[in-house]
Amino acid sequence: MILSVSYALLAFGVYLNAVRSGVRVRLHAAYALYVFTAFKVYVFDLEAQNQLYRAFSLLVFAAILFVSSHFASRQQRRQHA
């Protein structure tokens, strides 16, 4: 699980860098790392947990991605304005 947390922190760092610099390739790399981390968590880390816990984790992760996407689109609109 500590490896998954490290991946998530790395994805967040890449995301912040992408938003500040405006480089879309980095933004897509951050999202890909988020997806990879989610896959790893759900396939390997949460396999012993019950279905309710897994579903709740998925909803929380989806909310994090939604907020990240919202801030990325706001930053992109600011750069084009």
C-alpha atoms as a PDB file:
ATOM      1  CA  MET A   1       0.000   0.000   0.000  1.00  0.00           C
ATOM      2  CA  ILE A   2       2.912   2.374   0.660  1.00  0.00           C
ATOM      3  CA  LEU A   3       3.911   2.039  -2.987  1.00  0.00           C
ATOM      4  CA  SER A   4       0.404   3.071  -4.057  1.00  0.00           C
ATOM      5  CA  VAL A   5       0.577   6.138  -1.828  1.00  0.00           C
ATOM      6  CA  SER A   6       3.929   7.019  -3.396  1.00  0.00           C
ATOM      7  CA  TYR A   7       2.437   6.689  -6.878  1.00  0.00           C
ATOM      8  CA  ALA A   8      -0.500   8.879  -5.891  1.00  0.00           C
ATOM      9  CA  LEU A   9       1.807  11.562  -4.493  1.00  0.00           C
ATOM     10  CA  LEU A  10       3.914  11.418  -7.647  1.00  0.00           C
ATOM     11  CA  ALA A  11       0.794  11.778  -9.787  1.00  0.00           C
ATOM     12  CA  PHE A  12      -0.288  14.766  -7.704  1.00  0.00           C
ATOM     13  CA  GLY A  13       3.146  16.379  -8.103  1.00  0.00           C
ATOM     14  CA  VAL A  14       3.101  15.836 -11.861  1.00  0.00           C
ATOM     15  CA  TYR A  15      -0.417  17.238 -11.959  1.00  0.00           C
ATOM     16  CA  LEU A  16       0.552  20.401 -10.067  1.00  0.00           C
ATOM     17  CA  ASN A  17       3.549  20.879 -12.323  1.00  0.00           C
ATOM     18  CA  ALA A  18       1.373  20.426 -15.406  1.00  0.00           C
ATOM     19  CA  VAL A  19      -1.233  22.910 -14.218  1.00  0.00           C
ATOM     20  CA  ARG A  20       1.366  25.534 -13.366  1.00  0.00           C
ATOM     21  CA  SER A  21       3.367  25.113 -16.552  1.00  0.00           C
ATOM     22  CA  GLY A  22       0.395  24.558 -18.861  1.00  0.00           C
ATOM     23  CA  VAL A  23       1.965  21.549 -20.585  1.00  0.00           C
ATOM     24  CA  ARG A  24      -0.855  19.226 -21.631  1.00  0.00           C
ATOM     25  CA  VAL A  25       1.420  16.211 -22.075  1.00  0.00           C
ATOM     26  CA  ARG A  26       2.309  16.364 -18.374  1.00  0.00           C
ATOM     27  CA  LEU A  27      -1.358  16.678 -17.506  1.00  0.00           C
ATOM     28  CA  HIS A  28      -2.156  13.549 -19.485  1.00  0.00           C
ATOM     29  CA  ALA A  29       0.806  11.785 -17.868  1.00  0.00           C
ATOM     30  CA  ALA A  30      -0.567  12.681 -14.432  1.00  0.00           C
ATOM     31  CA  TYR A  31      -3.995  11.300 -15.342  1.00  0.00           C
ATOM     32  CA  ALA A  32      -2.410   8.121 -16.702  1.00  0.00           C
ATOM     33  CA  LEU A  33      -0.499   7.727 -13.444  1.00  0.00           C
ATOM     34  CA  TYR A  34      -3.742   8.245 -11.506  1.00  0.00           C
ATOM     35  CA  VAL A  35      -5.372   5.462 -13.552  1.00  0.00           C
ATOM     36  CA  PHE A  36      -2.390   3.165 -13.069  1.00  0.00           C
ATOM     37  CA  THR A  37      -2.474   3.796  -9.328  1.00  0.00           C
ATOM     38  CA  ALA A  38      -6.210   3.130  -9.163  1.00  0.00           C
ATOM     39  CA  PHE A  39      -5.775  -0.111 -11.099  1.00  0.00           C
ATOM     40  CA  LYS A  40      -2.996  -1.227  -8.756  1.00  0.00           C
ATOM     41  CA  VAL A  41      -5.014  -0.361  -5.669  1.00  0.00           C
ATOM     42  CA  TYR A  42      -8.160  -2.155  -6.816  1.00  0.00           C
ATOM     43  CA  VAL A  43      -6.491  -5.217  -8.235  1.00  0.00           C
ATOM     44  CA  PHE A  44      -3.775  -5.837  -5.653  1.00  0.00           C
ATOM     45  CA  ASP A  45      -4.253  -3.736  -2.510  1.00  0.00           C
ATOM     46  CA  LEU A  46      -8.014  -4.048  -1.960  1.00  0.00           C
ATOM     47  CA  GLU A  47      -8.515  -7.656  -3.009  1.00  0.00           C
ATOM     48  CA  ALA A  48      -9.051  -8.773   0.600  1.00  0.00           C
ATOM     49  CA  GLN A  49     -11.580  -6.005   1.362  1.00  0.00           C
ATOM     50  CA  ASN A  50     -15.343  -6.347   1.027  1.00  0.00           C
ATOM     51  CA  GLN A  51     -17.327  -4.973  -1.917  1.00  0.00           C
ATOM     52  CA  LEU A  52     -18.800  -2.013  -0.020  1.00  0.00           C
ATOM     53  CA  TYR A  53     -15.357  -0.724   0.927  1.00  0.00           C
ATOM     54  CA  ARG A  54     -14.145  -1.130  -2.652  1.00  0.00           C
ATOM     55  CA  ALA A  55     -17.163   0.748  -4.032  1.00  0.00           C
ATOM     56  CA  PHE A  56     -16.684   3.593  -1.556  1.00  0.00           C
ATOM     57  CA  SER A  57     -12.993   3.799  -2.492  1.00  0.00           C
ATOM     58  CA  LEU A  58     -13.925   4.018  -6.158  1.00  0.00           C
ATOM     59  CA  LEU A  59     -16.332   6.900  -5.469  1.00  0.00           C
ATOM     60  CA  VAL A  60     -13.689   8.802  -3.505  1.00  0.00           C
ATOM     61  CA  PHE A  61     -11.141   8.292  -6.258  1.00  0.00           C
ATOM     62  CA  ALA A  62     -13.657   9.459  -8.874  1.00  0.00           C
ATOM     63  CA  ALA A  63     -14.288  12.601  -6.830  1.00  0.00           C
ATOM     64  CA  ILE A  64     -10.554  13.317  -6.677  1.00  0.00           C
ATOM     65  CA  LEU A  65     -10.277  12.960 -10.450  1.00  0.00           C
ATOM     66  CA  PHE A  66     -13.318  15.181 -10.957  1.00  0.00           C
ATOM     67  CA  VAL A  67     -11.838  17.951  -8.801  1.00  0.00           C
ATOM     68  CA  SER A  68      -8.475  17.636 -10.547  1.00  0.00           C
ATOM     69  CA  SER A  69     -10.148  17.877 -13.933  1.00  0.00           C
ATOM     70  CA  HIS A  70     -12.153  20.910 -12.845  1.00  0.00           C
ATOM     71  CA  PHE A  71      -9.048  22.770 -11.710  1.00  0.00           C
ATOM     72  CA  ALA A  72      -7.191  21.818 -14.882  1.00  0.00           C
ATOM     73  CA  SER A  73      -9.973  23.184 -17.090  1.00  0.00           C
ATOM     74  CA  ARG A  74     -10.113  26.400 -15.034  1.00  0.00           C
ATOM     75  CA  GLN A  75      -6.367  26.854 -15.421  1.00  0.00           C
ATOM     76  CA  GLN A  76      -6.604  26.227 -19.152  1.00  0.00           C
ATOM     77  CA  ARG A  77      -9.355  28.846 -19.548  1.00  0.00           C
ATOM     78  CA  ARG A  78      -7.229  31.383 -17.650  1.00  0.00           C
ATOM     79  CA  GLN A  79      -4.276  30.768 -19.944  1.00  0.00           C
ATOM     80  CA  HIS A  80      -6.376  31.274 -23.083  1.00  0.00           C
ATOM     81  CA  ALA A  81      -8.129  34.398 -21.776  1.00  0.00           C
END
